[in-house]
């Protein structure tokens, strides 16, 4: 996965890891939002030559549950 996500994130990166779903590696990044101390989660993967991005402000374990249960066709 090379290139830019095209998203300007000013929050502090606190974790980064790979989740495998249906033999696709999904890069997950967890950020801490400075003002509220809540978490912003981002995921990126490529499928059939198309890049997909998911971003949400939620608990990291809830975000990971969504990522692991994506139906990738």
N, C-alpha and C. Protein backbone atom coordinates (compact mmCIF):
# COMPACT_ATOMS: atom_id res chain seq x y z
N UNK A 1 0.85 -1.17 0.00
CA UNK A 1 0.00 0.00 0.00
C UNK A 1 0.89 1.23 0.00
N UNK A 2 1.04 1.83 -1.13
CA UNK A 2 1.85 3.03 -1.18
C UNK A 2 0.98 4.20 -1.60
N UNK A 3 1.50 5.38 -1.37
CA UNK A 3 0.74 6.57 -1.73
C UNK A 3 0.13 7.22 -0.50
N UNK A 4 -0.60 8.26 -0.74
CA UNK A 4 -1.20 9.04 0.33
C UNK A 4 -2.67 8.67 0.49
N UNK A 5 -3.13 8.75 1.71
CA UNK A 5 -4.55 8.52 1.96
C UNK A 5 -5.36 9.72 1.51
N UNK A 6 -4.71 10.86 1.30
CA UNK A 6 -5.42 12.05 0.87
C UNK A 6 -6.25 12.68 1.98
N UNK A 7 -5.91 12.38 3.21
CA UNK A 7 -6.64 12.90 4.36
C UNK A 7 -5.64 13.59 5.27
N UNK A 8 -5.96 14.81 5.67
CA UNK A 8 -5.09 15.56 6.57
C UNK A 8 -5.53 15.27 8.00
N UNK A 9 -4.71 14.54 8.73
CA UNK A 9 -5.05 14.16 10.11
C UNK A 9 -4.08 14.86 11.04
N UNK A 10 -4.61 15.68 11.93
CA UNK A 10 -3.79 16.40 12.89
C UNK A 10 -3.71 15.69 14.23
N UNK A 11 -4.49 14.64 14.40
CA UNK A 11 -4.54 13.94 15.67
C UNK A 11 -3.32 13.04 15.84
N UNK A 12 -3.07 12.63 17.07
CA UNK A 12 -1.89 11.82 17.41
C UNK A 12 -2.15 10.35 17.07
N UNK A 13 -1.27 9.77 16.23
CA UNK A 13 -1.35 8.35 15.90
C UNK A 13 -0.91 7.56 17.12
N UNK A 14 -1.79 6.67 17.62
CA UNK A 14 -1.44 5.90 18.82
C UNK A 14 -1.29 4.40 18.55
N UNK A 15 -1.80 3.93 17.39
CA UNK A 15 -1.65 2.51 17.06
C UNK A 15 -1.82 2.33 15.56
N UNK A 16 -1.15 1.31 15.05
CA UNK A 16 -1.24 0.98 13.63
C UNK A 16 -0.99 -0.52 13.48
N UNK A 17 -1.87 -1.21 12.76
CA UNK A 17 -1.72 -2.65 12.62
C UNK A 17 -2.50 -3.13 11.40
N UNK A 18 -2.33 -4.41 11.07
CA UNK A 18 -2.99 -5.03 9.93
C UNK A 18 -4.03 -6.04 10.43
N UNK A 19 -5.23 -5.99 9.85
CA UNK A 19 -6.28 -6.96 10.10
C UNK A 19 -6.50 -7.71 8.80
N UNK A 20 -6.55 -9.04 8.86
CA UNK A 20 -6.81 -9.82 7.66
C UNK A 20 -8.29 -10.19 7.61
N UNK A 21 -8.89 -9.96 6.45
CA UNK A 21 -10.30 -10.28 6.23
C UNK A 21 -10.40 -10.89 4.84
N UNK A 22 -10.82 -12.13 4.76
CA UNK A 22 -10.97 -12.82 3.47
C UNK A 22 -9.70 -12.71 2.63
N UNK A 23 -8.56 -12.95 3.24
CA UNK A 23 -7.25 -12.91 2.59
C UNK A 23 -6.86 -11.53 2.06
N UNK A 24 -7.48 -10.49 2.59
CA UNK A 24 -7.13 -9.12 2.24
C UNK A 24 -6.57 -8.46 3.49
N UNK A 25 -5.39 -7.85 3.35
CA UNK A 25 -4.80 -7.11 4.47
C UNK A 25 -5.40 -5.71 4.53
N UNK A 26 -5.94 -5.38 5.69
CA UNK A 26 -6.55 -4.07 5.91
C UNK A 26 -5.69 -3.32 6.92
N UNK A 27 -5.15 -2.18 6.51
CA UNK A 27 -4.31 -1.36 7.38
C UNK A 27 -5.22 -0.50 8.26
N UNK A 28 -5.05 -0.63 9.57
CA UNK A 28 -5.86 0.11 10.53
C UNK A 28 -4.95 1.08 11.29
N UNK A 29 -5.41 2.31 11.43
CA UNK A 29 -4.69 3.31 12.21
C UNK A 29 -5.67 3.90 13.23
N UNK A 30 -5.19 4.04 14.47
CA UNK A 30 -6.00 4.59 15.55
C UNK A 30 -5.36 5.91 15.98
N UNK A 31 -6.16 6.96 16.04
CA UNK A 31 -5.70 8.29 16.44
C UNK A 31 -6.43 8.73 17.70
N UNK A 32 -5.77 9.54 18.51
CA UNK A 32 -6.42 10.16 19.66
C UNK A 32 -6.74 11.60 19.30
N UNK A 33 -8.01 11.96 19.46
CA UNK A 33 -8.44 13.33 19.20
C UNK A 33 -8.07 14.18 20.40
N UNK A 34 -7.21 15.16 20.18
CA UNK A 34 -6.62 15.91 21.28
C UNK A 34 -7.65 16.59 22.17
N UNK A 35 -8.65 17.24 21.58
CA UNK A 35 -9.61 18.02 22.38
C UNK A 35 -10.47 17.15 23.28
N UNK A 36 -10.91 16.00 22.77
CA UNK A 36 -11.87 15.18 23.52
C UNK A 36 -11.29 13.88 24.07
N UNK A 37 -10.08 13.53 23.65
CA UNK A 37 -9.42 12.27 24.04
C UNK A 37 -10.17 11.04 23.50
N UNK A 38 -11.18 11.24 22.64
CA UNK A 38 -11.84 10.11 22.01
C UNK A 38 -10.95 9.60 20.87
N UNK A 39 -11.36 8.51 20.24
CA UNK A 39 -10.53 7.86 19.23
C UNK A 39 -11.14 8.02 17.84
N UNK A 40 -10.27 8.23 16.86
CA UNK A 40 -10.65 8.23 15.45
C UNK A 40 -9.94 7.04 14.82
N UNK A 41 -10.68 6.23 14.11
CA UNK A 41 -10.14 5.02 13.51
C UNK A 41 -10.20 5.15 11.99
N UNK A 42 -9.16 4.66 11.33
CA UNK A 42 -9.11 4.70 9.87
C UNK A 42 -8.63 3.35 9.36
N UNK A 43 -9.20 2.93 8.24
CA UNK A 43 -8.79 1.68 7.62
C UNK A 43 -8.65 1.89 6.12
N UNK A 44 -7.69 1.16 5.52
CA UNK A 44 -7.46 1.26 4.08
C UNK A 44 -7.12 -0.12 3.55
N UNK A 45 -7.74 -0.47 2.42
CA UNK A 45 -7.39 -1.71 1.74
C UNK A 45 -7.63 -1.55 0.25
N UNK A 46 -7.02 -2.45 -0.52
CA UNK A 46 -7.18 -2.46 -1.97
C UNK A 46 -7.81 -3.79 -2.36
N UNK A 47 -8.83 -3.70 -3.20
CA UNK A 47 -9.50 -4.90 -3.70
C UNK A 47 -9.78 -4.71 -5.19
N UNK A 48 -9.33 -5.66 -5.99
CA UNK A 48 -9.49 -5.60 -7.45
C UNK A 48 -9.01 -4.28 -8.04
N UNK A 49 -7.89 -3.77 -7.52
CA UNK A 49 -7.29 -2.56 -8.05
C UNK A 49 -7.94 -1.26 -7.61
N UNK A 50 -8.89 -1.34 -6.69
CA UNK A 50 -9.58 -0.14 -6.19
C UNK A 50 -9.23 0.03 -4.72
N UNK A 51 -8.86 1.26 -4.33
CA UNK A 51 -8.55 1.57 -2.93
C UNK A 51 -9.83 1.95 -2.19
N UNK A 52 -9.99 1.39 -1.00
CA UNK A 52 -11.15 1.68 -0.14
C UNK A 52 -10.66 2.28 1.17
N UNK A 53 -11.42 3.24 1.70
CA UNK A 53 -11.07 3.92 2.94
C UNK A 53 -12.30 3.97 3.84
N UNK A 54 -12.10 3.69 5.11
CA UNK A 54 -13.16 3.79 6.12
C UNK A 54 -12.61 4.62 7.27
N UNK A 55 -13.38 5.59 7.74
CA UNK A 55 -12.95 6.44 8.85
C UNK A 55 -14.14 6.63 9.77
N UNK A 56 -13.90 6.53 11.08
CA UNK A 56 -14.98 6.75 12.02
C UNK A 56 -14.46 7.15 13.39
N UNK A 57 -15.25 7.89 14.10
CA UNK A 57 -14.92 8.26 15.48
C UNK A 57 -15.69 7.31 16.38
N UNK A 58 -14.97 6.30 16.91
CA UNK A 58 -15.60 5.27 17.73
C UNK A 58 -14.52 4.54 18.51
N UNK A 59 -14.95 3.63 19.36
CA UNK A 59 -14.01 2.82 20.12
C UNK A 59 -13.27 1.88 19.17
N UNK A 60 -11.95 1.75 19.33
CA UNK A 60 -11.17 0.89 18.43
C UNK A 60 -11.67 -0.55 18.35
N UNK A 61 -12.14 -1.13 19.46
CA UNK A 61 -12.62 -2.51 19.39
C UNK A 61 -13.90 -2.63 18.56
N UNK A 62 -14.76 -1.61 18.59
CA UNK A 62 -15.95 -1.61 17.76
C UNK A 62 -15.59 -1.46 16.28
N UNK A 63 -14.60 -0.61 16.00
CA UNK A 63 -14.14 -0.41 14.63
C UNK A 63 -13.53 -1.71 14.09
N UNK A 64 -12.71 -2.36 14.90
CA UNK A 64 -12.09 -3.61 14.47
C UNK A 64 -13.15 -4.69 14.20
N UNK A 65 -14.20 -4.72 15.01
CA UNK A 65 -15.30 -5.65 14.77
C UNK A 65 -15.91 -5.41 13.39
N UNK A 66 -16.13 -4.14 13.03
CA UNK A 66 -16.66 -3.81 11.71
C UNK A 66 -15.73 -4.27 10.61
N UNK A 67 -14.44 -4.01 10.76
CA UNK A 67 -13.45 -4.37 9.75
C UNK A 67 -13.41 -5.90 9.57
N UNK A 68 -13.41 -6.63 10.65
CA UNK A 68 -13.33 -8.09 10.56
C UNK A 68 -14.59 -8.70 9.97
N UNK A 69 -15.70 -7.98 10.00
CA UNK A 69 -16.95 -8.51 9.51
C UNK A 69 -17.42 -7.88 8.20
N UNK A 70 -16.52 -7.14 7.52
CA UNK A 70 -16.85 -6.61 6.20
C UNK A 70 -17.06 -7.75 5.22
N UNK A 71 -18.08 -7.66 4.41
CA UNK A 71 -18.25 -8.61 3.32
C UNK A 71 -17.61 -8.01 2.08
N UNK A 72 -16.48 -8.59 1.69
CA UNK A 72 -15.72 -8.09 0.57
C UNK A 72 -16.03 -9.01 -0.61
N UNK A 73 -16.61 -8.45 -1.64
CA UNK A 73 -17.04 -9.26 -2.79
C UNK A 73 -16.00 -9.19 -3.89
